[in-house]
PDB file of all heavy atoms in Angstrom:
ATOM      1  N   GLY A   1       0.763  -1.201  -0.017  1.00  0.00           N
ATOM      2  CA  GLY A   1       0.019   0.007  -0.006  1.00  0.00           C
ATOM      3  C   GLY A   1       0.840   1.284  -0.012  1.00  0.00           C
ATOM      4  O   GLY A   1       0.296   2.349   0.271  1.00  0.00           O
ATOM      5  N   GLU A   2       2.081   1.179  -0.332  1.00  0.00           N
ATOM      6  CA  GLU A   2       2.996   2.327  -0.350  1.00  0.00           C
ATOM      7  C   GLU A   2       3.087   2.982  -1.721  1.00  0.00           C
ATOM      8  O   GLU A   2       3.698   4.081  -1.828  1.00  0.00           O
ATOM      9  CB  GLU A   2       4.367   1.880   0.119  1.00  0.00           C
ATOM     10  CG  GLU A   2       4.401   1.337   1.550  1.00  0.00           C
ATOM     11  CD  GLU A   2       5.757   0.645   1.931  1.00  0.00           C
ATOM     12  OE1 GLU A   2       6.598   0.507   1.021  1.00  0.00           O
ATOM     13  OE2 GLU A   2       5.864   0.202   3.097  1.00  0.00           O
ATOM     14  N   LEU A   3       2.565   2.364  -2.739  1.00  0.00           N
ATOM     15  CA  LEU A   3       2.579   2.886  -4.081  1.00  0.00           C
ATOM     16  C   LEU A   3       1.249   2.615  -4.776  1.00  0.00           C
ATOM     17  O   LEU A   3       0.734   1.472  -4.707  1.00  0.00           O
ATOM     18  CB  LEU A   3       3.684   2.247  -4.902  1.00  0.00           C
ATOM     19  CG  LEU A   3       3.797   2.604  -6.410  1.00  0.00           C
ATOM     20  CD1 LEU A   3       4.168   4.068  -6.589  1.00  0.00           C
ATOM     21  CD2 LEU A   3       4.746   1.716  -7.177  1.00  0.00           C
ATOM     22  N   LYS A   4       0.689   3.629  -5.355  1.00  0.00           N
ATOM     23  CA  LYS A   4      -0.587   3.493  -6.116  1.00  0.00           C
ATOM     24  C   LYS A   4      -0.198   3.124  -7.566  1.00  0.00           C
ATOM     25  O   LYS A   4       0.729   3.735  -8.131  1.00  0.00           O
ATOM     26  CB  LYS A   4      -1.388   4.747  -6.063  1.00  0.00           C
ATOM     27  CG  LYS A   4      -1.830   5.197  -4.679  1.00  0.00           C
ATOM     28  CD  LYS A   4      -2.468   6.556  -4.741  1.00  0.00           C
ATOM     29  CE  LYS A   4      -2.816   7.091  -3.365  1.00  0.00           C
ATOM     30  NZ  LYS A   4      -3.362   8.440  -3.410  1.00  0.00           N
ATOM     31  N   ILE A   5      -0.874   2.139  -8.093  1.00  0.00           N
ATOM     32  CA  ILE A   5      -0.665   1.756  -9.508  1.00  0.00           C
ATOM     33  C   ILE A   5      -1.948   1.757 -10.238  1.00  0.00           C
ATOM     34  O   ILE A   5      -2.985   1.214  -9.786  1.00  0.00           O
ATOM     35  CB  ILE A   5       0.007   0.373  -9.564  1.00  0.00           C
ATOM     36  CG1 ILE A   5       1.490   0.451  -9.214  1.00  0.00           C
ATOM     37  CG2 ILE A   5      -0.103  -0.196 -11.020  1.00  0.00           C
ATOM     38  CD1 ILE A   5       2.255  -0.823  -9.282  1.00  0.00           C
ATOM     39  N   GLU A   6      -2.011   2.341 -11.424  1.00  0.00           N
ATOM     40  CA  GLU A   6      -3.169   2.265 -12.336  1.00  0.00           C
ATOM     41  C   GLU A   6      -2.706   1.657 -13.618  1.00  0.00           C
ATOM     42  O   GLU A   6      -1.893   2.203 -14.357  1.00  0.00           O
ATOM     43  CB  GLU A   6      -3.760   3.660 -12.578  1.00  0.00           C
ATOM     44  CG  GLU A   6      -4.954   3.599 -13.467  1.00  0.00           C
ATOM     45  CD  GLU A   6      -5.586   5.065 -13.668  1.00  0.00           C
ATOM     46  OE1 GLU A   6      -5.272   5.914 -12.866  1.00  0.00           O
ATOM     47  OE2 GLU A   6      -6.341   5.208 -14.717  1.00  0.00           O
ATOM     48  N   LEU A   7      -3.218   0.454 -13.942  1.00  0.00           N
ATOM     49  CA  LEU A   7      -2.808  -0.232 -15.134  1.00  0.00           C
ATOM     50  C   LEU A   7      -3.693   0.118 -16.286  1.00  0.00           C
ATOM     51  O   LEU A   7      -4.911   0.211 -16.206  1.00  0.00           O
ATOM     52  CB  LEU A   7      -2.887  -1.759 -14.908  1.00  0.00           C
ATOM     53  CG  LEU A   7      -1.844  -2.395 -13.975  1.00  0.00           C
ATOM     54  CD1 LEU A   7      -2.184  -3.869 -13.776  1.00  0.00           C
ATOM     55  CD2 LEU A   7      -0.472  -2.188 -14.563  1.00  0.00           C
ATOM     56  N   LEU A   8      -3.034   0.328 -17.429  1.00  0.00           N
ATOM     57  CA  LEU A   8      -3.732   0.616 -18.733  1.00  0.00           C
ATOM     58  C   LEU A   8      -3.089  -0.239 -19.794  1.00  0.00           C
ATOM     59  O   LEU A   8      -1.876  -0.348 -19.854  1.00  0.00           O
ATOM     60  CB  LEU A   8      -3.634   2.092 -19.094  1.00  0.00           C
ATOM     61  CG  LEU A   8      -4.420   3.087 -18.268  1.00  0.00           C
ATOM     62  CD1 LEU A   8      -4.098   4.494 -18.777  1.00  0.00           C
ATOM     63  CD2 LEU A   8      -5.962   2.856 -18.406  1.00  0.00           C
ATOM     64  N   PRO A   9      -3.881  -0.859 -20.687  1.00  0.00           N
ATOM     65  CA  PRO A   9      -3.262  -1.545 -21.787  1.00  0.00           C
ATOM     66  C   PRO A   9      -2.436  -0.584 -22.641  1.00  0.00           C
ATOM     67  O   PRO A   9      -2.723   0.639 -22.698  1.00  0.00           O
ATOM     68  CB  PRO A   9      -4.463  -2.001 -22.633  1.00  0.00           C
ATOM     69  CG  PRO A   9      -5.589  -2.102 -21.636  1.00  0.00           C
ATOM     70  CD  PRO A   9      -5.334  -1.004 -20.667  1.00  0.00           C
ATOM     71  N   GLN A  10      -1.336  -1.056 -23.262  1.00  0.00           N
ATOM     72  CA  GLN A  10      -0.376  -0.141 -23.909  1.00  0.00           C
ATOM     73  C   GLN A  10      -1.054   0.688 -25.016  1.00  0.00           C
ATOM     74  O   GLN A  10      -0.769   1.873 -25.111  1.00  0.00           O
ATOM     75  CB  GLN A  10       0.771  -0.925 -24.490  1.00  0.00           C
ATOM     76  CG  GLN A  10       1.715  -1.428 -23.431  1.00  0.00           C
ATOM     77  CD  GLN A  10       2.898  -2.237 -23.943  1.00  0.00           C
ATOM     78  OE1 GLN A  10       2.816  -2.774 -25.060  1.00  0.00           O
ATOM     79  NE2 GLN A  10       3.938  -2.387 -23.175  1.00  0.00           N
ATOM     80  N   GLY A  11      -1.918   0.082 -25.836  1.00  0.00           N
ATOM     81  CA  GLY A  11      -2.530   0.880 -26.837  1.00  0.00           C
ATOM     82  C   GLY A  11      -3.495   1.928 -26.252  1.00  0.00           C
ATOM     83  O   GLY A  11      -3.546   3.098 -26.779  1.00  0.00           O
ATOM     84  N   THR A  12      -4.172   1.618 -25.181  1.00  0.00           N
ATOM     85  CA  THR A  12      -5.002   2.555 -24.498  1.00  0.00           C
ATOM     86  C   THR A  12      -4.215   3.713 -23.902  1.00  0.00           C
ATOM     87  O   THR A  12      -4.584   4.884 -23.986  1.00  0.00           O
ATOM     88  CB  THR A  12      -5.805   1.868 -23.379  1.00  0.00           C
ATOM     89  OG1 THR A  12      -6.623   0.842 -23.932  1.00  0.00           O
ATOM     90  CG2 THR A  12      -6.737   2.854 -22.573  1.00  0.00           C
ATOM     91  N   LEU A  13      -3.082   3.326 -23.345  1.00  0.00           N
ATOM     92  CA  LEU A  13      -2.166   4.362 -22.751  1.00  0.00           C
ATOM     93  C   LEU A  13      -1.733   5.374 -23.847  1.00  0.00           C
ATOM     94  O   LEU A  13      -1.789   6.576 -23.632  1.00  0.00           O
ATOM     95  CB  LEU A  13      -0.972   3.679 -22.097  1.00  0.00           C
ATOM     96  CG  LEU A  13       0.103   4.597 -21.510  1.00  0.00           C
ATOM     97  CD1 LEU A  13      -0.475   5.403 -20.347  1.00  0.00           C
ATOM     98  CD2 LEU A  13       1.312   3.800 -21.090  1.00  0.00           C
ATOM     99  N   ALA A  14      -1.309   4.832 -24.998  1.00  0.00           N
ATOM    100  CA  ALA A  14      -0.778   5.703 -26.046  1.00  0.00           C
ATOM    101  C   ALA A  14      -1.893   6.605 -26.589  1.00  0.00           C
ATOM    102  O   ALA A  14      -1.708   7.781 -26.851  1.00  0.00           O
ATOM    103  CB  ALA A  14      -0.178   4.798 -27.184  1.00  0.00           C
ATOM    104  N   GLU A  15      -3.076   6.023 -26.773  1.00  0.00           N
ATOM    105  CA  GLU A  15      -4.190   6.802 -27.313  1.00  0.00           C
ATOM    106  C   GLU A  15      -4.706   7.862 -26.319  1.00  0.00           C
ATOM    107  O   GLU A  15      -5.041   8.998 -26.716  1.00  0.00           O
ATOM    108  CB  GLU A  15      -5.342   5.872 -27.721  1.00  0.00           C
ATOM    109  CG  GLU A  15      -6.575   6.566 -28.286  1.00  0.00           C
ATOM    110  CD  GLU A  15      -6.354   7.320 -29.565  1.00  0.00           C
ATOM    111  OE1 GLU A  15      -5.211   7.220 -30.129  1.00  0.00           O
ATOM    112  OE2 GLU A  15      -7.261   8.012 -30.030  1.00  0.00           O
ATOM    113  N   ALA A  16      -4.730   7.528 -25.046  1.00  0.00           N
ATOM    114  CA  ALA A  16      -5.079   8.510 -24.019  1.00  0.00           C
ATOM    115  C   ALA A  16      -4.168   9.694 -23.997  1.00  0.00           C
ATOM    116  O   ALA A  16      -4.622  10.835 -23.881  1.00  0.00           O
ATOM    117  CB  ALA A  16      -5.134   7.805 -22.646  1.00  0.00           C
ATOM    118  N   ILE A  17      -2.861   9.469 -24.175  1.00  0.00           N
ATOM    119  CA  ILE A  17      -1.885  10.556 -24.217  1.00  0.00           C
ATOM    120  C   ILE A  17      -2.036  11.378 -25.528  1.00  0.00           C
ATOM    121  O   ILE A  17      -2.028  12.607 -25.499  1.00  0.00           O
ATOM    122  CB  ILE A  17      -0.476  10.025 -24.069  1.00  0.00           C
ATOM    123  CG1 ILE A  17      -0.267   9.328 -22.721  1.00  0.00           C
ATOM    124  CG2 ILE A  17       0.537  11.149 -24.249  1.00  0.00           C
ATOM    125  CD1 ILE A  17       1.023   8.508 -22.642  1.00  0.00           C
ATOM    126  N   ARG A  18      -2.339  10.642 -26.633  1.00  0.00           N
ATOM    127  CA  ARG A  18      -2.517  11.348 -27.890  1.00  0.00           C
ATOM    128  C   ARG A  18      -3.717  12.252 -27.784  1.00  0.00           C
ATOM    129  O   ARG A  18      -3.710  13.389 -28.259  1.00  0.00           O
ATOM    130  CB  ARG A  18      -2.694  10.333 -29.025  1.00  0.00           C
ATOM    131  CG  ARG A  18      -2.710  11.019 -30.372  1.00  0.00           C
ATOM    132  CD  ARG A  18      -3.333  10.085 -31.446  1.00  0.00           C
ATOM    133  NE  ARG A  18      -4.772   9.911 -31.296  1.00  0.00           N
ATOM    134  CZ  ARG A  18      -5.675  10.759 -31.666  1.00  0.00           C
ATOM    135  NH1 ARG A  18      -5.346  11.927 -32.255  1.00  0.00           N
ATOM    136  NH2 ARG A  18      -6.948  10.527 -31.413  1.00  0.00           N
ATOM    137  N   CYS A  19      -4.822  11.734 -27.200  1.00  0.00           N
ATOM    138  CA  CYS A  19      -6.019  12.562 -27.002  1.00  0.00           C
ATOM    139  C   CYS A  19      -5.731  13.812 -26.145  1.00  0.00           C
ATOM    140  O   CYS A  19      -6.200  14.917 -26.453  1.00  0.00           O
ATOM    141  CB  CYS A  19      -7.090  11.760 -26.365  1.00  0.00           C
ATOM    142  SG  CYS A  19      -7.900  10.602 -27.501  1.00  0.00           S
ATOM    143  N   GLY A  20      -4.899  13.603 -25.072  1.00  0.00           N
ATOM    144  CA  GLY A  20      -4.532  14.695 -24.262  1.00  0.00           C
ATOM    145  C   GLY A  20      -3.858  15.817 -25.016  1.00  0.00           C
ATOM    146  O   GLY A  20      -4.121  17.031 -24.857  1.00  0.00           O
ATOM    147  N   GLY A  21      -2.930  15.431 -25.946  1.00  0.00           N
ATOM    148  CA  GLY A  21      -2.220  16.419 -26.693  1.00  0.00           C
ATOM    149  C   GLY A  21      -3.073  17.004 -27.822  1.00  0.00           C
ATOM    150  O   GLY A  21      -2.824  18.135 -28.250  1.00  0.00           O
ATOM    151  N   ALA A  22      -4.170  16.339 -28.232  1.00  0.00           N
ATOM    152  CA  ALA A  22      -4.988  16.836 -29.280  1.00  0.00           C
ATOM    153  C   ALA A  22      -6.181  17.578 -28.794  1.00  0.00           C
ATOM    154  O   ALA A  22      -6.977  18.093 -29.572  1.00  0.00           O
ATOM    155  CB  ALA A  22      -5.480  15.631 -30.163  1.00  0.00           C
ATOM    156  N   GLY A  23      -6.301  17.720 -27.460  1.00  0.00           N
ATOM    157  CA  GLY A  23      -7.405  18.504 -26.913  1.00  0.00           C
ATOM    158  C   GLY A  23      -8.701  17.707 -26.930  1.00  0.00           C
ATOM    159  O   GLY A  23      -9.799  18.330 -26.868  1.00  0.00           O
ATOM    160  N   ILE A  24      -8.660  16.394 -26.953  1.00  0.00           N
ATOM    161  CA  ILE A  24      -9.857  15.537 -26.965  1.00  0.00           C
ATOM    162  C   ILE A  24     -10.022  15.013 -25.520  1.00  0.00           C
ATOM    163  O   ILE A  24      -9.074  14.579 -24.843  1.00  0.00           O
ATOM    164  CB  ILE A  24      -9.680  14.352 -27.951  1.00  0.00           C
ATOM    165  CG1 ILE A  24      -9.485  14.899 -29.392  1.00  0.00           C
ATOM    166  CG2 ILE A  24     -10.864  13.383 -27.861  1.00  0.00           C
ATOM    167  CD1 ILE A  24      -9.124  13.885 -30.378  1.00  0.00           C
ATOM    168  N   GLY A  25     -11.267  15.025 -25.025  1.00  0.00           N
ATOM    169  CA  GLY A  25     -11.513  14.674 -23.644  1.00  0.00           C
ATOM    170  C   GLY A  25     -11.330  13.225 -23.284  1.00  0.00           C
ATOM    171  O   GLY A  25     -11.056  12.823 -22.150  1.00  0.00           O
ATOM    172  N   GLY A  26     -11.462  12.348 -24.291  1.00  0.00           N
ATOM    173  CA  GLY A  26     -11.313  10.928 -24.097  1.00  0.00           C
ATOM    174  C   GLY A  26     -11.828  10.143 -25.254  1.00  0.00           C
ATOM    175  O   GLY A  26     -12.078  10.727 -26.308  1.00  0.00           O
ATOM    176  N   PHE A  27     -12.002   8.782 -25.088  1.00  0.00           N
ATOM    177  CA  PHE A  27     -12.360   8.004 -26.278  1.00  0.00           C
ATOM    178  C   PHE A  27     -12.987   6.661 -25.708  1.00  0.00           C
ATOM    179  O   PHE A  27     -12.798   6.274 -24.575  1.00  0.00           O
ATOM    180  CB  PHE A  27     -11.164   7.667 -27.137  1.00  0.00           C
ATOM    181  CG  PHE A  27     -10.077   6.896 -26.463  1.00  0.00           C
ATOM    182  CD1 PHE A  27      -9.933   5.520 -26.671  1.00  0.00           C
ATOM    183  CD2 PHE A  27      -9.181   7.534 -25.587  1.00  0.00           C
ATOM    184  CE1 PHE A  27      -8.946   4.841 -25.988  1.00  0.00           C
ATOM    185  CE2 PHE A  27      -8.182   6.809 -24.937  1.00  0.00           C
ATOM    186  CZ  PHE A  27      -8.045   5.460 -25.164  1.00  0.00           C
ATOM    187  N   TYR A  28     -13.780   6.008 -26.610  1.00  0.00           N
ATOM    188  CA  TYR A  28     -14.268   4.713 -26.273  1.00  0.00           C
ATOM    189  C   TYR A  28     -13.502   3.608 -26.936  1.00  0.00           C
ATOM    190  O   TYR A  28     -13.126   3.689 -28.106  1.00  0.00           O
ATOM    191  CB  TYR A  28     -15.757   4.628 -26.779  1.00  0.00           C
ATOM    192  CG  TYR A  28     -16.737   5.469 -25.986  1.00  0.00           C
ATOM    193  CD1 TYR A  28     -17.050   6.768 -26.379  1.00  0.00           C
ATOM    194  CD2 TYR A  28     -17.285   4.955 -24.823  1.00  0.00           C
ATOM    195  CE1 TYR A  28     -17.895   7.498 -25.595  1.00  0.00           C
ATOM    196  CE2 TYR A  28     -18.212   5.692 -24.087  1.00  0.00           C
ATOM    197  CZ  TYR A  28     -18.507   6.964 -24.512  1.00  0.00           C
ATOM    198  OH  TYR A  28     -19.351   7.770 -23.758  1.00  0.00           O
ATOM    199  N   THR A  29     -13.239   2.521 -26.187  1.00  0.00           N
ATOM    200  CA  THR A  29     -12.421   1.420 -26.697  1.00  0.00           C
ATOM    201  C   THR A  29     -13.060   0.096 -26.216  1.00  0.00           C
ATOM    202  O   THR A  29     -13.511   0.031 -25.044  1.00  0.00           O
ATOM    203  CB  THR A  29     -10.935   1.531 -26.269  1.00  0.00           C
ATOM    204  OG1 THR A  29     -10.256   0.361 -26.693  1.00  0.00           O
ATOM    205  CG2 THR A  29     -10.818   1.623 -24.770  1.00  0.00           C
ATOM    206  N   PRO A  30     -13.025  -0.955 -27.029  1.00  0.00           N
ATOM    207  CA  PRO A  30     -13.427  -2.267 -26.555  1.00  0.00           C
ATOM    208  C   PRO A  30     -12.410  -2.990 -25.679  1.00  0.00           C
ATOM    209  O   PRO A  30     -12.739  -3.946 -24.989  1.00  0.00           O
ATOM    210  CB  PRO A  30     -13.706  -3.056 -27.854  1.00  0.00           C
ATOM    211  CG  PRO A  30     -12.754  -2.448 -28.818  1.00  0.00           C
ATOM    212  CD  PRO A  30     -12.658  -0.998 -28.421  1.00  0.00           C
ATOM    213  N   THR A  31     -11.184  -2.514 -25.737  1.00  0.00           N
ATOM    214  CA  THR A  31     -10.081  -3.114 -24.975  1.00  0.00           C
ATOM    215  C   THR A  31     -10.402  -3.091 -23.467  1.00  0.00           C
ATOM    216  O   THR A  31     -10.723  -1.994 -22.908  1.00  0.00           O
ATOM    217  CB  THR A  31      -8.739  -2.477 -25.253  1.00  0.00           C
ATOM    218  OG1 THR A  31      -8.532  -2.499 -26.658  1.00  0.00           O
ATOM    219  CG2 THR A  31      -7.627  -3.162 -24.562  1.00  0.00           C
ATOM    220  N   ALA A  32     -10.267  -4.212 -22.764  1.00  0.00           N
ATOM    221  CA  ALA A  32     -10.482  -4.313 -21.316  1.00  0.00           C
ATOM    222  C   ALA A  32     -11.906  -4.400 -20.905  1.00  0.00           C
ATOM    223  O   ALA A  32     -12.185  -4.556 -19.677  1.00  0.00           O
ATOM    224  CB  ALA A  32      -9.759  -3.210 -20.541  1.00  0.00           C
ATOM    225  N   VAL A  33     -12.861  -4.310 -21.792  1.00  0.00           N
ATOM    226  CA  VAL A  33     -14.252  -4.498 -21.407  1.00  0.00           C
ATOM    227  C   VAL A  33     -14.419  -5.930 -20.792  1.00  0.00           C
ATOM    228  O   VAL A  33     -13.899  -6.920 -21.394  1.00  0.00           O
ATOM    229  CB  VAL A  33     -15.204  -4.314 -22.580  1.00  0.00           C
ATOM    230  CG1 VAL A  33     -16.626  -4.787 -22.290  1.00  0.00           C
ATOM    231  CG2 VAL A  33     -15.209  -2.858 -23.083  1.00  0.00           C
ATOM    232  N   GLY A  34     -15.141  -5.964 -19.713  1.00  0.00           N
ATOM    233  CA  GLY A  34     -15.333  -7.295 -19.080  1.00  0.00           C
ATOM    234  C   GLY A  34     -14.237  -7.750 -18.172  1.00  0.00           C
ATOM    235  O   GLY A  34     -14.269  -8.849 -17.587  1.00  0.00           O
ATOM    236  N   THR A  35     -13.194  -6.907 -17.968  1.00  0.00           N
ATOM    237  CA  THR A  35     -12.086  -7.271 -17.076  1.00  0.00           C
ATOM    238  C   THR A  35     -12.083  -6.301 -15.855  1.00  0.00           C
ATOM    239  O   THR A  35     -12.824  -5.339 -15.786  1.00  0.00           O
ATOM    240  CB  THR A  35     -10.748  -7.123 -17.815  1.00  0.00           C
ATOM    241  OG1 THR A  35     -10.443  -5.712 -17.953  1.00  0.00           O
ATOM    242  CG2 THR A  35     -10.789  -7.793 -19.164  1.00  0.00           C
ATOM    243  N   LYS A  36     -11.222  -6.586 -14.877  1.00  0.00           N
ATOM    244  CA  LYS A  36     -11.079  -5.700 -13.705  1.00  0.00           C
ATOM    245  C   LYS A  36     -10.659  -4.285 -14.095  1.00  0.00           C
ATOM    246  O   LYS A  36     -10.913  -3.346 -13.390  1.00  0.00           O
ATOM    247  CB  LYS A  36     -10.108  -6.328 -12.729  1.00  0.00           C
ATOM    248  CG  LYS A  36     -10.673  -7.583 -12.031  1.00  0.00           C
ATOM    249  CD  LYS A  36      -9.768  -8.000 -10.864  1.00  0.00           C
ATOM    250  CE  LYS A  36     -10.364  -9.166 -10.126  1.00  0.00           C
ATOM    251  NZ  LYS A  36      -9.492  -9.570  -8.983  1.00  0.00           N
ATOM    252  N   LEU A  37      -9.970  -4.171 -15.208  1.00  0.00           N
ATOM    253  CA  LEU A  37      -9.503  -2.825 -15.652  1.00  0.00           C
ATOM    254  C   LEU A  37     -10.666  -1.946 -16.019  1.00  0.00           C
ATOM    255  O   LEU A  37     -10.531  -0.707 -16.076  1.00  0.00           O
ATOM    256  CB  LEU A  37      -8.554  -2.924 -16.788  1.00  0.00           C
ATOM    257  CG  LEU A  37      -7.234  -3.675 -16.522  1.00  0.00           C
ATOM    258  CD1 LEU A  37      -6.328  -3.643 -17.769  1.00  0.00           C
ATOM    259  CD2 LEU A  37      -6.480  -3.123 -15.387  1.00  0.00           C
ATOM    260  N   ALA A  38     -11.858  -2.516 -16.271  1.00  0.00           N
ATOM    261  CA  ALA A  38     -13.029  -1.749 -16.630  1.00  0.00           C
ATOM    262  C   ALA A  38     -13.886  -1.325 -15.399  1.00  0.00           C
ATOM    263  O   ALA A  38     -14.825  -0.554 -15.605  1.00  0.00           O
ATOM    264  CB  ALA A  38     -13.861  -2.522 -17.619  1.00  0.00           C
ATOM    265  N   GLU A  39     -13.523  -1.804 -14.274  1.00  0.00           N
ATOM    266  CA  GLU A  39     -14.357  -1.555 -13.059  1.00  0.00           C
ATOM    267  C   GLU A  39     -14.385  -0.024 -12.794  1.00  0.00           C
ATOM    268  O   GLU A  39     -13.331   0.638 -12.736  1.00  0.00           O
ATOM    269  CB  GLU A  39     -13.818  -2.289 -11.863  1.00  0.00           C
ATOM    270  CG  GLU A  39     -14.045  -3.788 -11.972  1.00  0.00           C
ATOM    271  CD  GLU A  39     -13.469  -4.517 -10.739  1.00  0.00           C
ATOM    272  OE1 GLU A  39     -12.888  -3.868  -9.849  1.00  0.00           O
ATOM    273  OE2 GLU A  39     -13.614  -5.776 -10.701  1.00  0.00           O
ATOM    274  N   GLY A  40     -15.610   0.430 -12.563  1.00  0.00           N
ATOM    275  CA  GLY A  40     -15.803   1.922 -12.312  1.00  0.00           C
ATOM    276  C   GLY A  40     -15.767   2.844 -13.449  1.00  0.00           C
ATOM    277  O   GLY A  40     -15.909   4.035 -13.318  1.00  0.00           O
ATOM    278  N   LYS A  41     -15.629   2.283 -14.703  1.00  0.00           N
ATOM    279  CA  LYS A  41     -15.590   3.093 -15.903  1.00  0.00           C
ATOM    280  C   LYS A  41     -16.903   2.936 -16.672  1.00  0.00           C
ATOM    281  O   LYS A  41     -17.582   1.945 -16.605  1.00  0.00           O
ATOM    282  CB  LYS A  41     -14.396   2.702 -16.759  1.00  0.00           C
ATOM    283  CG  LYS A  41     -13.042   2.953 -16.121  1.00  0.00           C
ATOM    284  CD  LYS A  41     -11.882   2.547 -16.974  1.00  0.00           C
ATOM    285  CE  LYS A  41     -10.564   2.850 -16.273  1.00  0.00           C
ATOM    286  NZ  LYS A  41      -9.395   2.492 -17.089  1.00  0.00           N
ATOM    287  N   GLU A  42     -17.253   4.014 -17.388  1.00  0.00           N
ATOM    288  CA  GLU A  42     -18.459   4.009 -18.158  1.00  0.00           C
ATOM    289  C   GLU A  42     -18.404   2.990 -19.296  1.00  0.00           C
ATOM    290  O   GLU A  42     -17.403   2.903 -20.027  1.00  0.00           O
ATOM    291  CB  GLU A  42     -18.654   5.407 -18.817  1.00  0.00           C
ATOM    292  CG  GLU A  42     -19.879   5.512 -19.695  1.00  0.00           C
ATOM    293  CD  GLU A  42     -19.902   6.775 -20.551  1.00  0.00           C
ATOM    294  OE1 GLU A  42     -19.097   7.683 -20.289  1.00  0.00           O
ATOM    295  OE2 GLU A  42     -20.666   6.802 -21.506  1.00  0.00           O
ATOM    296  N   ILE A  43     -19.475   2.176 -19.465  1.00  0.00           N
ATOM    297  CA  ILE A  43     -19.577   1.238 -20.542  1.00  0.00           C
ATOM    298  C   ILE A  43     -20.715   1.666 -21.421  1.00  0.00           C
ATOM    299  O   ILE A  43     -21.808   1.978 -20.955  1.00  0.00           O
ATOM    300  CB  ILE A  43     -19.838  -0.149 -20.031  1.00  0.00           C
ATOM    301  CG1 ILE A  43     -18.787  -0.669 -19.042  1.00  0.00           C
ATOM    302  CG2 ILE A  43     -19.982  -1.177 -21.200  1.00  0.00           C
ATOM    303  CD1 ILE A  43     -17.402  -0.790 -19.656  1.00  0.00           C
ATOM    304  N   ARG A  44     -20.466   1.683 -22.736  1.00  0.00           N
ATOM    305  CA  ARG A  44     -21.503   2.138 -23.732  1.00  0.00           C
ATOM    306  C   ARG A  44     -21.535   1.130 -24.872  1.00  0.00           C
ATOM    307  O   ARG A  44     -20.425   0.665 -25.324  1.00  0.00           O
ATOM    308  CB  ARG A  44     -21.221   3.489 -24.180  1.00  0.00           C
ATOM    309  CG  ARG A  44     -22.189   4.033 -25.206  1.00  0.00           C
ATOM    310  CD  ARG A  44     -21.846   5.483 -25.540  1.00  0.00           C
ATOM    311  NE  ARG A  44     -22.759   6.031 -26.542  1.00  0.00           N
ATOM    312  CZ  ARG A  44     -22.638   7.261 -27.047  1.00  0.00           C
ATOM    313  NH1 ARG A  44     -21.688   8.079 -26.661  1.00  0.00           N
ATOM    314  NH2 ARG A  44     -23.522   7.682 -27.931  1.00  0.00           N
TER     315      ARG A  44
END
């Protein structure tokens, strides 16, 4: 409990940073749907 870790799939990580640089608020992806990485996130 001495370090917080947030895991993101590599493609998701790259796209999230690209969106940050492009002024886009976020994006929808099928990657990680149905896994623990999707817990607490909006599903559409």
